[in-house]
Amino acid sequence: MKEQPDRQSFFQKVYAVVKQIPPGRVTTYGAIAGFLGSPGSSRMVGWAMNHAHKADPTIPAHRVVNRLGILTGKHHFGSSTMMQQLLENENIKVIDDKVVDFRNLFWNPKLEVKS
């Protein structure tokens, strides 16, 4: 059986990465999981994002999308349009729940995170 990382410490590591995503950029659950050395833990990154709304200081969870640039976590933002609104406030265009120009806006934590 595959051993799961300690949930609370894993969430804190996820939040540390997500806090570094600059406005106007997005990353994926899988990119974060891979960066943290747990490439099979994309869903756990998603769970962390679902709980991020309770975190203080605020975690920019709206900048984390699925591997295709789709806003799969949008229902955890209080309304079905809030995630898109937050992204659009950062000049990220979204059409049909998908980030337009996703490849150019993708922020890769393996290249960008400062240790």
C-alpha atoms as a PDB file:
ATOM      1  CA  MET A   1       0.000   0.000   0.000  1.00  0.00           C
ATOM      2  CA  LYS A   2       1.269   3.461  -0.933  1.00  0.00           C
ATOM      3  CA  GLU A   3       2.131   5.605   2.071  1.00  0.00           C
ATOM      4  CA  GLN A   4       0.345   8.972   2.202  1.00  0.00           C
ATOM      5  CA  PRO A   5       2.247  12.050   3.387  1.00  0.00           C
ATOM      6  CA  ASP A   6       1.100  13.625   6.647  1.00  0.00           C
ATOM      7  CA  ARG A   7      -1.880  15.702   5.538  1.00  0.00           C
ATOM      8  CA  GLN A   8      -1.278  18.814   7.610  1.00  0.00           C
ATOM      9  CA  SER A   9       2.423  19.162   6.795  1.00  0.00           C
ATOM     10  CA  PHE A  10       1.738  18.356   3.128  1.00  0.00           C
ATOM     11  CA  PHE A  11      -0.923  21.090   3.005  1.00  0.00           C
ATOM     12  CA  GLN A  12       1.561  23.583   4.506  1.00  0.00           C
ATOM     13  CA  LYS A  13       4.134  22.674   1.840  1.00  0.00           C
ATOM     14  CA  VAL A  14       1.486  23.122  -0.863  1.00  0.00           C
ATOM     15  CA  TYR A  15       0.523  26.516   0.537  1.00  0.00           C
ATOM     16  CA  ALA A  16       4.178  27.624   0.588  1.00  0.00           C
ATOM     17  CA  VAL A  17       4.413  26.869  -3.140  1.00  0.00           C
ATOM     18  CA  VAL A  18       1.057  28.428  -4.044  1.00  0.00           C
ATOM     19  CA  LYS A  19       1.956  31.666  -2.230  1.00  0.00           C
ATOM     20  CA  GLN A  20       4.831  32.081  -4.711  1.00  0.00           C
ATOM     21  CA  ILE A  21       2.664  31.957  -7.851  1.00  0.00           C
ATOM     22  CA  PRO A  22       2.732  35.509  -9.159  1.00  0.00           C
ATOM     23  CA  PRO A  23      -0.449  37.345 -10.122  1.00  0.00           C
ATOM     24  CA  GLY A  24      -1.313  36.708 -13.762  1.00  0.00           C
ATOM     25  CA  ARG A  25       0.148  33.197 -13.768  1.00  0.00           C
ATOM     26  CA  VAL A  26      -1.317  29.736 -13.060  1.00  0.00           C
ATOM     27  CA  THR A  27       0.006  26.305 -12.213  1.00  0.00           C
ATOM     28  CA  THR A  28      -1.466  22.831 -11.849  1.00  0.00           C
ATOM     29  CA  TYR A  29      -2.195  20.396  -9.055  1.00  0.00           C
ATOM     30  CA  GLY A  30       0.198  17.943 -10.697  1.00  0.00           C
ATOM     31  CA  ALA A  31       3.031  20.452 -11.061  1.00  0.00           C
ATOM     32  CA  ILE A  32       2.834  21.233  -7.355  1.00  0.00           C
ATOM     33  CA  ALA A  33       2.657  17.549  -6.400  1.00  0.00           C
ATOM     34  CA  GLY A  34       5.635  16.746  -8.614  1.00  0.00           C
ATOM     35  CA  PHE A  35       7.657  19.625  -7.205  1.00  0.00           C
ATOM     36  CA  LEU A  36       6.978  18.351  -3.685  1.00  0.00           C
ATOM     37  CA  GLY A  37       8.259  14.895  -4.633  1.00  0.00           C
ATOM     38  CA  SER A  38       4.815  13.268  -4.605  1.00  0.00           C
ATOM     39  CA  PRO A  39       3.821  13.103  -8.288  1.00  0.00           C
ATOM     40  CA  GLY A  40       0.879  10.821  -7.464  1.00  0.00           C
ATOM     41  CA  SER A  41      -0.608  13.308  -4.999  1.00  0.00           C
ATOM     42  CA  SER A  42      -2.405  15.722  -7.336  1.00  0.00           C
ATOM     43  CA  ARG A  43      -5.713  15.044  -5.607  1.00  0.00           C
ATOM     44  CA  MET A  44      -4.195  15.788  -2.241  1.00  0.00           C
ATOM     45  CA  VAL A  45      -3.012  19.131  -3.641  1.00  0.00           C
ATOM     46  CA  GLY A  46      -6.643  19.675  -4.691  1.00  0.00           C
ATOM     47  CA  TRP A  47      -7.812  18.919  -1.161  1.00  0.00           C
ATOM     48  CA  ALA A  48      -5.289  21.419   0.145  1.00  0.00           C
ATOM     49  CA  MET A  49      -6.713  24.023  -2.232  1.00  0.00           C
ATOM     50  CA  ASN A  50     -10.241  23.212  -1.014  1.00  0.00           C
ATOM     51  CA  HIS A  51      -9.097  23.945   2.538  1.00  0.00           C
ATOM     52  CA  ALA A  52      -7.042  27.002   1.579  1.00  0.00           C
ATOM     53  CA  HIS A  53     -10.019  29.331   2.048  1.00  0.00           C
ATOM     54  CA  LYS A  54      -9.663  28.867   5.802  1.00  0.00           C
ATOM     55  CA  ALA A  55      -5.945  29.707   5.808  1.00  0.00           C
ATOM     56  CA  ASP A  56      -4.549  32.924   7.192  1.00  0.00           C
ATOM     57  CA  PRO A  57      -2.830  34.602   5.455  1.00  0.00           C
ATOM     58  CA  THR A  58      -4.798  34.112   2.272  1.00  0.00           C
ATOM     59  CA  ILE A  59      -3.659  31.461  -0.201  1.00  0.00           C
ATOM     60  CA  PRO A  60      -4.186  32.359  -3.905  1.00  0.00           C
ATOM     61  CA  ALA A  61      -5.881  29.010  -4.644  1.00  0.00           C
ATOM     62  CA  HIS A  62      -7.558  30.481  -7.732  1.00  0.00           C
ATOM     63  CA  ARG A  63      -4.170  30.264  -9.494  1.00  0.00           C
ATOM     64  CA  VAL A  64      -4.195  26.451  -9.379  1.00  0.00           C
ATOM     65  CA  VAL A  65      -6.016  24.659 -12.208  1.00  0.00           C
ATOM     66  CA  ASN A  66      -6.004  21.182 -13.702  1.00  0.00           C
ATOM     67  CA  ARG A  67      -3.425  19.967 -16.244  1.00  0.00           C
ATOM     68  CA  LEU A  68      -5.507  21.307 -19.145  1.00  0.00           C
ATOM     69  CA  GLY A  69      -6.038  24.749 -17.613  1.00  0.00           C
ATOM     70  CA  ILE A  70      -9.622  24.011 -16.575  1.00  0.00           C
ATOM     71  CA  LEU A  71     -11.065  25.603 -13.423  1.00  0.00           C
ATOM     72  CA  THR A  72     -11.981  22.295 -11.780  1.00  0.00           C
ATOM     73  CA  GLY A  73     -11.939  23.797  -8.277  1.00  0.00           C
ATOM     74  CA  LYS A  74     -14.334  26.637  -9.045  1.00  0.00           C
ATOM     75  CA  HIS A  75     -17.144  25.311  -6.832  1.00  0.00           C
ATOM     76  CA  HIS A  76     -15.024  25.847  -3.720  1.00  0.00           C
ATOM     77  CA  PHE A  77     -14.983  29.629  -4.086  1.00  0.00           C
ATOM     78  CA  GLY A  78     -18.454  30.430  -2.791  1.00  0.00           C
ATOM     79  CA  SER A  79     -19.963  30.850  -6.246  1.00  0.00           C
ATOM     80  CA  SER A  80     -19.400  29.121  -9.565  1.00  0.00           C
ATOM     81  CA  THR A  81     -17.948  32.311 -11.089  1.00  0.00           C
ATOM     82  CA  MET A  82     -15.682  33.635  -8.300  1.00  0.00           C
ATOM     83  CA  MET A  83     -12.564  31.693  -9.382  1.00  0.00           C
ATOM     84  CA  GLN A  84     -12.908  33.051 -12.908  1.00  0.00           C
ATOM     85  CA  GLN A  85     -13.477  36.573 -11.574  1.00  0.00           C
ATOM     86  CA  LEU A  86     -10.323  36.380  -9.458  1.00  0.00           C
ATOM     87  CA  LEU A  87      -8.285  35.211 -12.446  1.00  0.00           C
ATOM     88  CA  GLU A  88      -9.766  37.876 -14.710  1.00  0.00           C
ATOM     89  CA  ASN A  89      -8.879  40.499 -12.075  1.00  0.00           C
ATOM     90  CA  GLU A  90      -5.271  39.436 -12.777  1.00  0.00           C
ATOM     91  CA  ASN A  91      -5.778  39.812 -16.548  1.00  0.00           C
ATOM     92  CA  ILE A  92      -6.081  36.066 -17.150  1.00  0.00           C
ATOM     93  CA  LYS A  93      -8.697  35.396 -19.792  1.00  0.00           C
ATOM     94  CA  VAL A  94     -11.033  32.452 -19.131  1.00  0.00           C
ATOM     95  CA  ILE A  95     -13.507  31.040 -21.654  1.00  0.00           C
ATOM     96  CA  ASP A  96     -15.815  28.123 -20.853  1.00  0.00           C
ATOM     97  CA  ASP A  97     -14.003  27.510 -17.542  1.00  0.00           C
ATOM     98  CA  LYS A  98     -10.630  27.181 -19.277  1.00  0.00           C
ATOM     99  CA  VAL A  99      -7.612  29.484 -19.061  1.00  0.00           C
ATOM    100  CA  VAL A 100      -6.902  30.991 -22.473  1.00  0.00           C
ATOM    101  CA  ASP A 101      -3.217  30.814 -23.444  1.00  0.00           C
ATOM    102  CA  PHE A 102      -2.622  28.338 -20.609  1.00  0.00           C
ATOM    103  CA  ARG A 103       0.804  27.228 -21.892  1.00  0.00           C
ATOM    104  CA  ASN A 104       2.183  30.775 -21.838  1.00  0.00           C
ATOM    105  CA  LEU A 105       0.681  31.553 -18.429  1.00  0.00           C
ATOM    106  CA  PHE A 106       1.845  28.282 -16.846  1.00  0.00           C
ATOM    107  CA  TRP A 107       4.124  28.795 -13.850  1.00  0.00           C
ATOM    108  CA  ASN A 108       6.390  25.812 -13.271  1.00  0.00           C
ATOM    109  CA  PRO A 109       7.388  25.481  -9.604  1.00  0.00           C
ATOM    110  CA  LYS A 110      10.414  23.338 -10.553  1.00  0.00           C
ATOM    111  CA  LEU A 111      11.842  26.366 -12.364  1.00  0.00           C
ATOM    112  CA  GLU A 112      10.421  29.202 -10.281  1.00  0.00           C
ATOM    113  CA  VAL A 113      10.255  28.302  -6.579  1.00  0.00           C
ATOM    114  CA  LYS A 114      12.888  29.896  -4.432  1.00  0.00           C
ATOM    115  CA  SER A 115      14.121  27.613  -1.655  1.00  0.00           C
END
